[in-house]
PDB file of N, CA and C in Angstrom:
ATOM      1  N   ILE A   1       0.553  -0.916 -69.647  1.00  0.00           N
ATOM      2  CA  ILE A   1       1.180  -0.334 -68.458  1.00  0.00           C
ATOM      3  C   ILE A   1       0.574   1.043 -68.203  1.00  0.00           C
ATOM      4  N   VAL A   2       0.151   1.254 -66.994  1.00  0.00           N
ATOM      5  CA  VAL A   2      -0.364   2.557 -66.599  1.00  0.00           C
ATOM      6  C   VAL A   2       0.827   3.424 -66.198  1.00  0.00           C
ATOM      7  N   GLU A   3       0.968   4.540 -66.868  1.00  0.00           N
ATOM      8  CA  GLU A   3       2.094   5.419 -66.576  1.00  0.00           C
ATOM      9  C   GLU A   3       1.831   6.192 -65.298  1.00  0.00           C
ATOM     10  N   THR A   4       2.704   6.017 -64.307  1.00  0.00           N
ATOM     11  CA  THR A   4       2.556   6.763 -63.083  1.00  0.00           C
ATOM     12  C   THR A   4       3.771   7.630 -62.794  1.00  0.00           C
ATOM     13  N   GLY A   5       4.809   7.484 -63.565  1.00  0.00           N
ATOM     14  CA  GLY A   5       6.017   8.256 -63.317  1.00  0.00           C
ATOM     15  C   GLY A   5       6.942   8.235 -64.508  1.00  0.00           C
ATOM     16  N   ARG A   6       8.107   8.826 -64.311  1.00  0.00           N
ATOM     17  CA  ARG A   6       9.142   8.843 -65.344  1.00  0.00           C
ATOM     18  C   ARG A   6      10.446   8.348 -64.722  1.00  0.00           C
ATOM     19  N   TYR A   7      11.021   7.334 -65.347  1.00  0.00           N
ATOM     20  CA  TYR A   7      12.313   6.807 -64.922  1.00  0.00           C
ATOM     21  C   TYR A   7      13.390   7.664 -65.571  1.00  0.00           C
ATOM     22  N   ILE A   8      14.363   8.125 -64.790  1.00  0.00           N
ATOM     23  CA  ILE A   8      15.401   9.015 -65.305  1.00  0.00           C
ATOM     24  C   ILE A   8      16.706   8.231 -65.468  1.00  0.00           C
ATOM     25  N   TYR A   9      17.271   8.301 -66.678  1.00  0.00           N
ATOM     26  CA  TYR A   9      18.537   7.628 -66.984  1.00  0.00           C
ATOM     27  C   TYR A   9      19.730   8.571 -66.898  1.00  0.00           C
ATOM     28  N   ALA A  10      19.550   9.797 -67.395  1.00  0.00           N
ATOM     29  CA  ALA A  10      20.688  10.711 -67.497  1.00  0.00           C
ATOM     30  C   ALA A  10      20.199  12.125 -67.782  1.00  0.00           C
ATOM     31  N   PHE A  11      21.113  13.063 -67.607  1.00  0.00           N
ATOM     32  CA  PHE A  11      20.870  14.448 -67.995  1.00  0.00           C
ATOM     33  C   PHE A  11      21.808  14.790 -69.145  1.00  0.00           C
ATOM     34  N   ILE A  12      21.304  15.589 -70.076  1.00  0.00           N
ATOM     35  CA  ILE A  12      22.079  15.970 -71.257  1.00  0.00           C
ATOM     36  C   ILE A  12      21.879  17.451 -71.543  1.00  0.00           C
ATOM     37  N   ASP A  13      22.659  17.974 -72.470  1.00  0.00           N
ATOM     38  CA  ASP A  13      22.464  19.323 -72.983  1.00  0.00           C
ATOM     39  C   ASP A  13      21.303  19.284 -73.977  1.00  0.00           C
ATOM     40  N   THR A  14      20.468  20.303 -73.945  1.00  0.00           N
ATOM     41  CA  THR A  14      19.302  20.355 -74.826  1.00  0.00           C
ATOM     42  C   THR A  14      19.675  20.206 -76.304  1.00  0.00           C
ATOM     43  N   SER A  15      20.860  20.653 -76.681  1.00  0.00           N
ATOM     44  CA  SER A  15      21.265  20.573 -78.091  1.00  0.00           C
ATOM     45  C   SER A  15      21.354  19.131 -78.590  1.00  0.00           C
ATOM     46  N   SER A  16      21.389  18.167 -77.679  1.00  0.00           N
ATOM     47  CA  SER A  16      21.484  16.756 -78.062  1.00  0.00           C
ATOM     48  C   SER A  16      20.130  16.057 -78.128  1.00  0.00           C
ATOM     49  N   GLU A  17      19.057  16.769 -77.859  1.00  0.00           N
ATOM     50  CA  GLU A  17      17.731  16.154 -77.814  1.00  0.00           C
ATOM     51  C   GLU A  17      17.380  15.405 -79.096  1.00  0.00           C
ATOM     52  N   SER A  18      17.555  16.040 -80.241  1.00  0.00           N
ATOM     53  CA  SER A  18      17.158  15.401 -81.505  1.00  0.00           C
ATOM     54  C   SER A  18      18.009  14.165 -81.805  1.00  0.00           C
ATOM     55  N   ILE A  19      19.283  14.204 -81.446  1.00  0.00           N
ATOM     56  CA  ILE A  19      20.168  13.052 -81.665  1.00  0.00           C
ATOM     57  C   ILE A  19      19.647  11.845 -80.883  1.00  0.00           C
ATOM     58  N   ILE A  20      19.250  12.074 -79.643  1.00  0.00           N
ATOM     59  CA  ILE A  20      18.750  10.978 -78.808  1.00  0.00           C
ATOM     60  C   ILE A  20      17.424  10.471 -79.343  1.00  0.00           C
ATOM     61  N   LYS A  21      16.506  11.375 -79.668  1.00  0.00           N
ATOM     62  CA  LYS A  21      15.183  10.961 -80.140  1.00  0.00           C
ATOM     63  C   LYS A  21      15.255  10.184 -81.456  1.00  0.00           C
ATOM     64  N   GLU A  22      16.209  10.523 -82.319  1.00  0.00           N
ATOM     65  CA  GLU A  22      16.359   9.828 -83.602  1.00  0.00           C
ATOM     66  C   GLU A  22      16.746   8.358 -83.434  1.00  0.00           C
ATOM     67  N   GLN A  23      17.309   8.011 -82.291  1.00  0.00           N
ATOM     68  CA  GLN A  23      17.799   6.646 -82.068  1.00  0.00           C
ATOM     69  C   GLN A  23      16.685   5.652 -81.745  1.00  0.00           C
ATOM     70  N   ASN A  24      15.506   6.148 -81.396  1.00  0.00           N
ATOM     71  CA  ASN A  24      14.391   5.266 -81.017  1.00  0.00           C
ATOM     72  C   ASN A  24      14.815   4.239 -79.963  1.00  0.00           C
ATOM     73  N   LEU A  25      15.439   4.722 -78.906  1.00  0.00           N
ATOM     74  CA  LEU A  25      15.917   3.856 -77.834  1.00  0.00           C
ATOM     75  C   LEU A  25      14.750   3.328 -77.001  1.00  0.00           C
ATOM     76  N   HIS A  26      14.966   2.156 -76.397  1.00  0.00           N
ATOM     77  CA  HIS A  26      13.999   1.567 -75.486  1.00  0.00           C
ATOM     78  C   HIS A  26      14.704   1.220 -74.188  1.00  0.00           C
ATOM     79  N   GLY A  27      14.023   1.468 -73.080  1.00  0.00           N
ATOM     80  CA  GLY A  27      14.618   1.248 -71.769  1.00  0.00           C
ATOM     81  C   GLY A  27      13.886   0.191 -70.972  1.00  0.00           C
ATOM     82  N   LEU A  28      13.635   0.478 -69.696  1.00  0.00           N
ATOM     83  CA  LEU A  28      12.975  -0.460 -68.812  1.00  0.00           C
ATOM     84  C   LEU A  28      11.646  -0.914 -69.401  1.00  0.00           C
ATOM     85  N   ASN A  29      11.373  -2.183 -69.270  1.00  0.00           N
ATOM     86  CA  ASN A  29      10.143  -2.798 -69.793  1.00  0.00           C
ATOM     87  C   ASN A  29       9.976  -2.560 -71.288  1.00  0.00           C
ATOM     88  N   ASP A  30      11.081  -2.323 -71.975  1.00  0.00           N
ATOM     89  CA  ASP A  30      11.100  -2.095 -73.424  1.00  0.00           C
ATOM     90  C   ASP A  30      10.233  -0.897 -73.847  1.00  0.00           C
ATOM     91  N   LEU A  31      10.092   0.082 -72.961  1.00  0.00           N
ATOM     92  CA  LEU A  31       9.315   1.277 -73.274  1.00  0.00           C
ATOM     93  C   LEU A  31      10.205   2.343 -73.897  1.00  0.00           C
ATOM     94  N   ALA A  32       9.622   3.136 -74.768  1.00  0.00           N
ATOM     95  CA  ALA A  32      10.369   4.146 -75.521  1.00  0.00           C
ATOM     96  C   ALA A  32      11.010   5.185 -74.610  1.00  0.00           C
ATOM     97  N   VAL A  33      12.235   5.536 -74.954  1.00  0.00           N
ATOM     98  CA  VAL A  33      12.984   6.582 -74.244  1.00  0.00           C
ATOM     99  C   VAL A  33      12.645   7.923 -74.877  1.00  0.00           C
ATOM    100  N   ASP A  34      12.504   8.931 -74.033  1.00  0.00           N
ATOM    101  CA  ASP A  34      12.174  10.274 -74.491  1.00  0.00           C
ATOM    102  C   ASP A  34      13.119  11.259 -73.820  1.00  0.00           C
ATOM    103  N   VAL A  35      13.075  12.510 -74.256  1.00  0.00           N
ATOM    104  CA  VAL A  35      13.865  13.572 -73.637  1.00  0.00           C
ATOM    105  C   VAL A  35      12.923  14.699 -73.239  1.00  0.00           C
ATOM    106  N   ILE A  36      13.005  15.110 -71.994  1.00  0.00           N
ATOM    107  CA  ILE A  36      12.252  16.258 -71.490  1.00  0.00           C
ATOM    108  C   ILE A  36      13.255  17.390 -71.332  1.00  0.00           C
ATOM    109  N   THR A  37      12.954  18.553 -71.901  1.00  0.00           N
ATOM    110  CA  THR A  37      13.902  19.665 -71.833  1.00  0.00           C
ATOM    111  C   THR A  37      13.277  20.904 -71.208  1.00  0.00           C
ATOM    112  N   ARG A  38      14.128  21.663 -70.552  1.00  0.00           N
ATOM    113  CA  ARG A  38      13.799  22.987 -70.042  1.00  0.00           C
ATOM    114  C   ARG A  38      15.091  23.787 -70.081  1.00  0.00           C
ATOM    115  N   GLY A  39      15.044  24.933 -70.734  1.00  0.00           N
ATOM    116  CA  GLY A  39      16.262  25.725 -70.850  1.00  0.00           C
ATOM    117  C   GLY A  39      17.313  24.952 -71.617  1.00  0.00           C
ATOM    118  N   GLU A  40      18.509  24.887 -71.060  1.00  0.00           N
ATOM    119  CA  GLU A  40      19.615  24.202 -71.732  1.00  0.00           C
ATOM    120  C   GLU A  40      19.834  22.775 -71.244  1.00  0.00           C
ATOM    121  N   LEU A  41      18.979  22.301 -70.336  1.00  0.00           N
ATOM    122  CA  LEU A  41      19.131  20.954 -69.790  1.00  0.00           C
ATOM    123  C   LEU A  41      18.020  20.028 -70.269  1.00  0.00           C
ATOM    124  N   GLY A  42      18.379  18.764 -70.407  1.00  0.00           N
ATOM    125  CA  GLY A  42      17.405  17.758 -70.771  1.00  0.00           C
ATOM    126  C   GLY A  42      17.564  16.526 -69.900  1.00  0.00           C
ATOM    127  N   ALA A  43      16.478  15.814 -69.705  1.00  0.00           N
ATOM    128  CA  ALA A  43      16.507  14.558 -68.963  1.00  0.00           C
ATOM    129  C   ALA A  43      16.079  13.438 -69.903  1.00  0.00           C
ATOM    130  N   VAL A  44      16.861  12.374 -69.933  1.00  0.00           N
ATOM    131  CA  VAL A  44      16.550  11.194 -70.732  1.00  0.00           C
ATOM    132  C   VAL A  44      15.692  10.290 -69.845  1.00  0.00           C
ATOM    133  N   VAL A  45      14.458  10.017 -70.281  1.00  0.00           N
ATOM    134  CA  VAL A  45      13.481   9.336 -69.428  1.00  0.00           C
ATOM    135  C   VAL A  45      12.680   8.296 -70.207  1.00  0.00           C
ATOM    136  N   SER A  46      11.956   7.473 -69.470  1.00  0.00           N
ATOM    137  CA  SER A  46      10.930   6.609 -70.062  1.00  0.00           C
ATOM    138  C   SER A  46       9.809   6.464 -69.039  1.00  0.00           C
ATOM    139  N   PRO A  47       8.598   6.144 -69.507  1.00  0.00           N
ATOM    140  CA  PRO A  47       7.490   5.968 -68.569  1.00  0.00           C
ATOM    141  C   PRO A  47       7.721   4.738 -67.702  1.00  0.00           C
ATOM    142  N   ILE A  48       7.173   4.790 -66.507  1.00  0.00           N
ATOM    143  CA  ILE A  48       7.275   3.635 -65.611  1.00  0.00           C
ATOM    144  C   ILE A  48       6.010   3.566 -64.761  1.00  0.00           C
ATOM    145  N   ALA A  49       5.538   2.357 -64.531  1.00  0.00           N
ATOM    146  CA  ALA A  49       4.290   2.181 -63.809  1.00  0.00           C
ATOM    147  C   ALA A  49       4.486   2.035 -62.304  1.00  0.00           C
ATOM    148  N   ASN A  50       5.665   1.663 -61.882  1.00  0.00           N
ATOM    149  CA  ASN A  50       5.899   1.395 -60.469  1.00  0.00           C
ATOM    150  C   ASN A  50       7.079   2.207 -59.982  1.00  0.00           C
ATOM    151  N   ALA A  51       6.902   2.999 -58.948  1.00  0.00           N
ATOM    152  CA  ALA A  51       7.980   3.827 -58.419  1.00  0.00           C
ATOM    153  C   ALA A  51       9.055   2.999 -57.722  1.00  0.00           C
ATOM    154  N   LYS A  52       8.722   1.782 -57.322  1.00  0.00           N
ATOM    155  CA  LYS A  52       9.709   0.911 -56.681  1.00  0.00           C
ATOM    156  C   LYS A  52      10.228  -0.078 -57.712  1.00  0.00           C
ATOM    157  N   ILE A  53      11.521  -0.006 -57.947  1.00  0.00           N
ATOM    158  CA  ILE A  53      12.143  -0.852 -58.957  1.00  0.00           C
ATOM    159  C   ILE A  53      13.112  -1.801 -58.266  1.00  0.00           C
ATOM    160  N   ARG A  54      12.958  -3.057 -58.547  1.00  0.00           N
ATOM    161  CA  ARG A  54      13.879  -4.044 -57.965  1.00  0.00           C
ATOM    162  C   ARG A  54      15.123  -4.135 -58.830  1.00  0.00           C
ATOM    163  N   PRO A  55      16.287  -4.198 -58.215  1.00  0.00           N
ATOM    164  CA  PRO A  55      17.535  -4.272 -58.989  1.00  0.00           C
ATOM    165  C   PRO A  55      17.804  -5.663 -59.552  1.00  0.00           C
ATOM    166  N   GLN A  56      16.931  -6.109 -60.421  1.00  0.00           N
ATOM    167  CA  GLN A  56      17.103  -7.397 -61.074  1.00  0.00           C
ATOM    168  C   GLN A  56      18.014  -7.223 -62.287  1.00  0.00           C
ATOM    169  N   ARG A  57      18.660  -8.283 -62.676  1.00  0.00           N
ATOM    170  CA  ARG A  57      19.628  -8.237 -63.773  1.00  0.00           C
ATOM    171  C   ARG A  57      19.049  -7.612 -65.039  1.00  0.00           C
ATOM    172  N   LYS A  58      17.851  -8.020 -65.436  1.00  0.00           N
ATOM    173  CA  LYS A  58      17.214  -7.513 -66.652  1.00  0.00           C
ATOM    174  C   LYS A  58      16.989  -5.994 -66.571  1.00  0.00           C
ATOM    175  N   VAL A  59      16.560  -5.520 -65.426  1.00  0.00           N
ATOM    176  CA  VAL A  59      16.271  -4.102 -65.233  1.00  0.00           C
ATOM    177  C   VAL A  59      17.563  -3.298 -65.187  1.00  0.00           C
ATOM    178  N   LEU A  60      18.554  -3.797 -64.463  1.00  0.00           N
ATOM    179  CA  LEU A  60      19.860  -3.131 -64.409  1.00  0.00           C
ATOM    180  C   LEU A  60      20.489  -3.050 -65.801  1.00  0.00           C
ATOM    181  N   ALA A  61      20.355  -4.125 -66.560  1.00  0.00           N
ATOM    182  CA  ALA A  61      20.917  -4.155 -67.913  1.00  0.00           C
ATOM    183  C   ALA A  61      20.242  -3.128 -68.810  1.00  0.00           C
ATOM    184  N   ALA A  62      18.931  -2.990 -68.704  1.00  0.00           N
ATOM    185  CA  ALA A  62      18.202  -2.009 -69.517  1.00  0.00           C
ATOM    186  C   ALA A  62      18.646  -0.594 -69.173  1.00  0.00           C
ATOM    187  N   HIS A  63      18.799  -0.312 -67.880  1.00  0.00           N
ATOM    188  CA  HIS A  63      19.274   1.007 -67.447  1.00  0.00           C
ATOM    189  C   HIS A  63      20.667   1.283 -68.032  1.00  0.00           C
ATOM    190  N   GLN A  64      21.563   0.330 -67.869  1.00  0.00           N
ATOM    191  CA  GLN A  64      22.940   0.517 -68.336  1.00  0.00           C
ATOM    192  C   GLN A  64      23.006   0.651 -69.853  1.00  0.00           C
ATOM    193  N   GLN A  65      22.182  -0.086 -70.553  1.00  0.00           N
ATOM    194  CA  GLN A  65      22.182  -0.015 -72.012  1.00  0.00           C
ATOM    195  C   GLN A  65      21.793   1.386 -72.481  1.00  0.00           C
ATOM    196  N   VAL A  66      20.761   1.970 -71.888  1.00  0.00           N
ATOM    197  CA  VAL A  66      20.347   3.324 -72.279  1.00  0.00           C
ATOM    198  C   VAL A  66      21.454   4.322 -71.959  1.00  0.00           C
ATOM    199  N   VAL A  67      22.006   4.253 -70.759  1.00  0.00           N
ATOM    200  CA  VAL A  67      23.073   5.185 -70.368  1.00  0.00           C
ATOM    201  C   VAL A  67      24.265   5.054 -71.307  1.00  0.00           C
ATOM    202  N   THR A  68      24.648   3.836 -71.643  1.00  0.00           N
ATOM    203  CA  THR A  68      25.786   3.607 -72.539  1.00  0.00           C
ATOM    204  C   THR A  68      25.508   4.170 -73.928  1.00  0.00           C
ATOM    205  N   GLN A  69      24.330   3.891 -74.464  1.00  0.00           N
ATOM    206  CA  GLN A  69      23.999   4.387 -75.803  1.00  0.00           C
ATOM    207  C   GLN A  69      23.957   5.913 -75.840  1.00  0.00           C
ATOM    208  N   VAL A  70      23.356   6.524 -74.845  1.00  0.00           N
ATOM    209  CA  VAL A  70      23.280   7.986 -74.798  1.00  0.00           C
ATOM    210  C   VAL A  70      24.680   8.583 -74.657  1.00  0.00           C
ATOM    211  N   SER A  71      25.515   7.959 -73.836  1.00  0.00           N
ATOM    212  CA  SER A  71      26.885   8.453 -73.628  1.00  0.00           C
ATOM    213  C   SER A  71      27.723   8.404 -74.896  1.00  0.00           C
ATOM    214  N   LYS A  72      27.432   7.470 -75.784  1.00  0.00           N
ATOM    215  CA  LYS A  72      28.149   7.386 -77.051  1.00  0.00           C
ATOM    216  C   LYS A  72      27.739   8.503 -78.008  1.00  0.00           C
ATOM    217  N   LEU A  73      26.560   9.079 -77.780  1.00  0.00           N
ATOM    218  CA  LEU A  73      26.016  10.085 -78.694  1.00  0.00           C
ATOM    219  C   LEU A  73      26.281  11.522 -78.266  1.00  0.00           C
ATOM    220  N   CYS A  74      26.423  11.750 -76.957  1.00  0.00           N
ATOM    221  CA  CYS A  74      26.587  13.124 -76.484  1.00  0.00           C
ATOM    222  C   CYS A  74      27.158  13.136 -75.068  1.00  0.00           C
ATOM    223  N   ASP A  75      27.541  14.329 -74.620  1.00  0.00           N
ATOM    224  CA  ASP A  75      27.983  14.476 -73.235  1.00  0.00           C
ATOM    225  C   ASP A  75      26.804  14.152 -72.330  1.00  0.00           C
ATOM    226  N   THR A  76      27.058  13.335 -71.331  1.00  0.00           N
ATOM    227  CA  THR A  76      25.989  12.789 -70.508  1.00  0.00           C
ATOM    228  C   THR A  76      26.369  12.843 -69.035  1.00  0.00           C
ATOM    229  N   LEU A  77      25.402  13.188 -68.203  1.00  0.00           N
ATOM    230  CA  LEU A  77      25.547  13.050 -66.764  1.00  0.00           C
ATOM    231  C   LEU A  77      24.628  11.898 -66.365  1.00  0.00           C
ATOM    232  N   PRO A  78      25.192  10.684 -66.206  1.00  0.00           N
ATOM    233  CA  PRO A  78      24.351   9.537 -65.886  1.00  0.00           C
ATOM    234  C   PRO A  78      23.748   9.656 -64.485  1.00  0.00           C
ATOM    235  N   VAL A  79      22.617   9.020 -64.301  1.00  0.00           N
ATOM    236  CA  VAL A  79      21.930   9.016 -63.018  1.00  0.00           C
ATOM    237  C   VAL A  79      22.032   7.613 -62.437  1.00  0.00           C
ATOM    238  N   ALA A  80      22.152   7.529 -61.122  1.00  0.00           N
ATOM    239  CA  ALA A  80      22.210   6.223 -60.461  1.00  0.00           C
ATOM    240  C   ALA A  80      20.932   5.442 -60.723  1.00  0.00           C
ATOM    241  N   PHE A  81      21.054   4.142 -60.755  1.00  0.00           N
ATOM    242  CA  PHE A  81      19.917   3.264 -60.991  1.00  0.00           C
ATOM    243  C   PHE A  81      18.799   3.544 -59.986  1.00  0.00           C
ATOM    244  N   GLY A  82      17.557   3.567 -60.493  1.00  0.00           N
ATOM    245  CA  GLY A  82      16.394   3.612 -59.622  1.00  0.00           C
ATOM    246  C   GLY A  82      15.759   4.970 -59.387  1.00  0.00           C
ATOM    247  N   LEU A  83      16.205   6.013 -60.086  1.00  0.00           N
ATOM    248  CA  LEU A  83      15.642   7.346 -59.859  1.00  0.00           C
ATOM    249  C   LEU A  83      14.351   7.514 -60.657  1.00  0.00           C
ATOM    250  N   VAL A  84      13.247   7.726 -59.947  1.00  0.00           N
ATOM    251  CA  VAL A  84      11.933   7.878 -60.562  1.00  0.00           C
ATOM    252  C   VAL A  84      11.338   9.211 -60.126  1.00  0.00           C
ATOM    253  N   ALA A  85      10.860   9.966 -61.099  1.00  0.00           N
ATOM    254  CA  ALA A  85      10.146  11.213 -60.815  1.00  0.00           C
ATOM    255  C   ALA A  85       8.649  10.934 -60.918  1.00  0.00           C
ATOM    256  N   ALA A  86       7.860  11.666 -60.152  1.00  0.00           N
ATOM    257  CA  ALA A  86       6.417  11.434 -60.124  1.00  0.00           C
ATOM    258  C   ALA A  86       5.768  11.670 -61.481  1.00  0.00           C
ATOM    259  N   ASP A  87       6.252  12.688 -62.202  1.00  0.00           N
ATOM    260  CA  ASP A  87       5.646  13.035 -63.485  1.00  0.00           C
ATOM    261  C   ASP A  87       6.566  13.987 -64.237  1.00  0.00           C
ATOM    262  N   GLU A  88       6.147  14.364 -65.432  1.00  0.00           N
ATOM    263  CA  GLU A  88       6.952  15.258 -66.259  1.00  0.00           C
ATOM    264  C   GLU A  88       7.144  16.624 -65.599  1.00  0.00           C
ATOM    265  N   ALA A  89       6.135  17.098 -64.892  1.00  0.00           N
ATOM    266  CA  ALA A  89       6.243  18.394 -64.207  1.00  0.00           C
ATOM    267  C   ALA A  89       7.343  18.375 -63.148  1.00  0.00           C
ATOM    268  N   SER A  90       7.503  17.265 -62.459  1.00  0.00           N
ATOM    269  CA  SER A  90       8.562  17.143 -61.452  1.00  0.00           C
ATOM    270  C   SER A  90       9.939  17.245 -62.095  1.00  0.00           C
ATOM    271  N   ILE A  91      10.087  16.623 -63.246  1.00  0.00           N
ATOM    272  CA  ILE A  91      11.366  16.692 -63.961  1.00  0.00           C
ATOM    273  C   ILE A  91      11.605  18.109 -64.460  1.00  0.00           C
ATOM    274  N   SER A  92      10.575  18.744 -64.960  1.00  0.00           N
ATOM    275  CA  SER A  92      10.703  20.132 -65.421  1.00  0.00           C
ATOM    276  C   SER A  92      11.166  21.041 -64.288  1.00  0.00           C
ATOM    277  N   ASP A  93      10.624  20.832 -63.096  1.00  0.00           N
ATOM    278  CA  ASP A  93      11.038  21.630 -61.938  1.00  0.00           C
ATOM    279  C   ASP A  93      12.522  21.435 -61.636  1.00  0.00           C
ATOM    280  N   ILE A  94      12.978  20.199 -61.675  1.00  0.00           N
ATOM    281  CA  ILE A  94      14.397  19.899 -61.433  1.00  0.00           C
ATOM    282  C   ILE A  94      15.267  20.601 -62.471  1.00  0.00           C
ATOM    283  N   LEU A  95      14.885  20.484 -63.730  1.00  0.00           N
ATOM    284  CA  LEU A  95      15.673  21.089 -64.811  1.00  0.00           C
ATOM    285  C   LEU A  95      15.699  22.619 -64.689  1.00  0.00           C
ATOM    286  N   GLU A  96      14.577  23.210 -64.368  1.00  0.00           N
ATOM    287  CA  GLU A  96      14.535  24.669 -64.225  1.00  0.00           C
ATOM    288  C   GLU A  96      15.395  25.153 -63.063  1.00  0.00           C
ATOM    289  N   ARG A  97      15.366  24.421 -61.952  1.00  0.00           N
ATOM    290  CA  ARG A  97      16.173  24.816 -60.785  1.00  0.00           C
ATOM    291  C   ARG A  97      17.668  24.750 -61.071  1.00  0.00           C
ATOM    292  N   HIS A  98      18.067  23.864 -61.973  1.00  0.00           N
ATOM    293  CA  HIS A  98      19.494  23.655 -62.220  1.00  0.00           C
ATOM    294  C   HIS A  98      19.933  24.119 -63.607  1.00  0.00           C
ATOM    295  N   SER A  99      19.130  24.903 -64.255  1.00  0.00           N
ATOM    296  CA  SER A  99      19.444  25.317 -65.632  1.00  0.00           C
ATOM    297  C   SER A  99      20.649  26.249 -65.725  1.00  0.00           C
ATOM    298  N   ASP A 100      21.100  26.794 -64.621  1.00  0.00           N
ATOM    299  CA  ASP A 100      22.267  27.697 -64.659  1.00  0.00           C
ATOM    300  C   ASP A 100      23.565  26.987 -64.339  1.00  0.00           C
ATOM    301  N   VAL A 101      23.508  25.661 -64.217  1.00  0.00           N
ATOM    302  CA  VAL A 101      24.706  24.872 -63.859  1.00  0.00           C
ATOM    303  C   VAL A 101      25.644  24.814 -65.038  1.00  0.00           C
TER     304      VAL A 101
END
């Protein structure tokens, strides 16, 4: 899969980054879940090759599974299905703009 973007599952507090990474979670297309952090905010993401995602059962289930697992581990602000950022820099910009929330 050629990585062209980052699929966003949820936002978390940076203090939970290591807890999430230790879980070795997998999301859409069974790709590894990662956390991108800036300041006190983090985004739970995975690489994605296509910015357009069809709401098929398998894809919806993968999204929900990641959100559910992350929510069991820490305070989570889930994101609606289908949110894709162009790249890691785009997510960093979002996190920096909202780091005082």
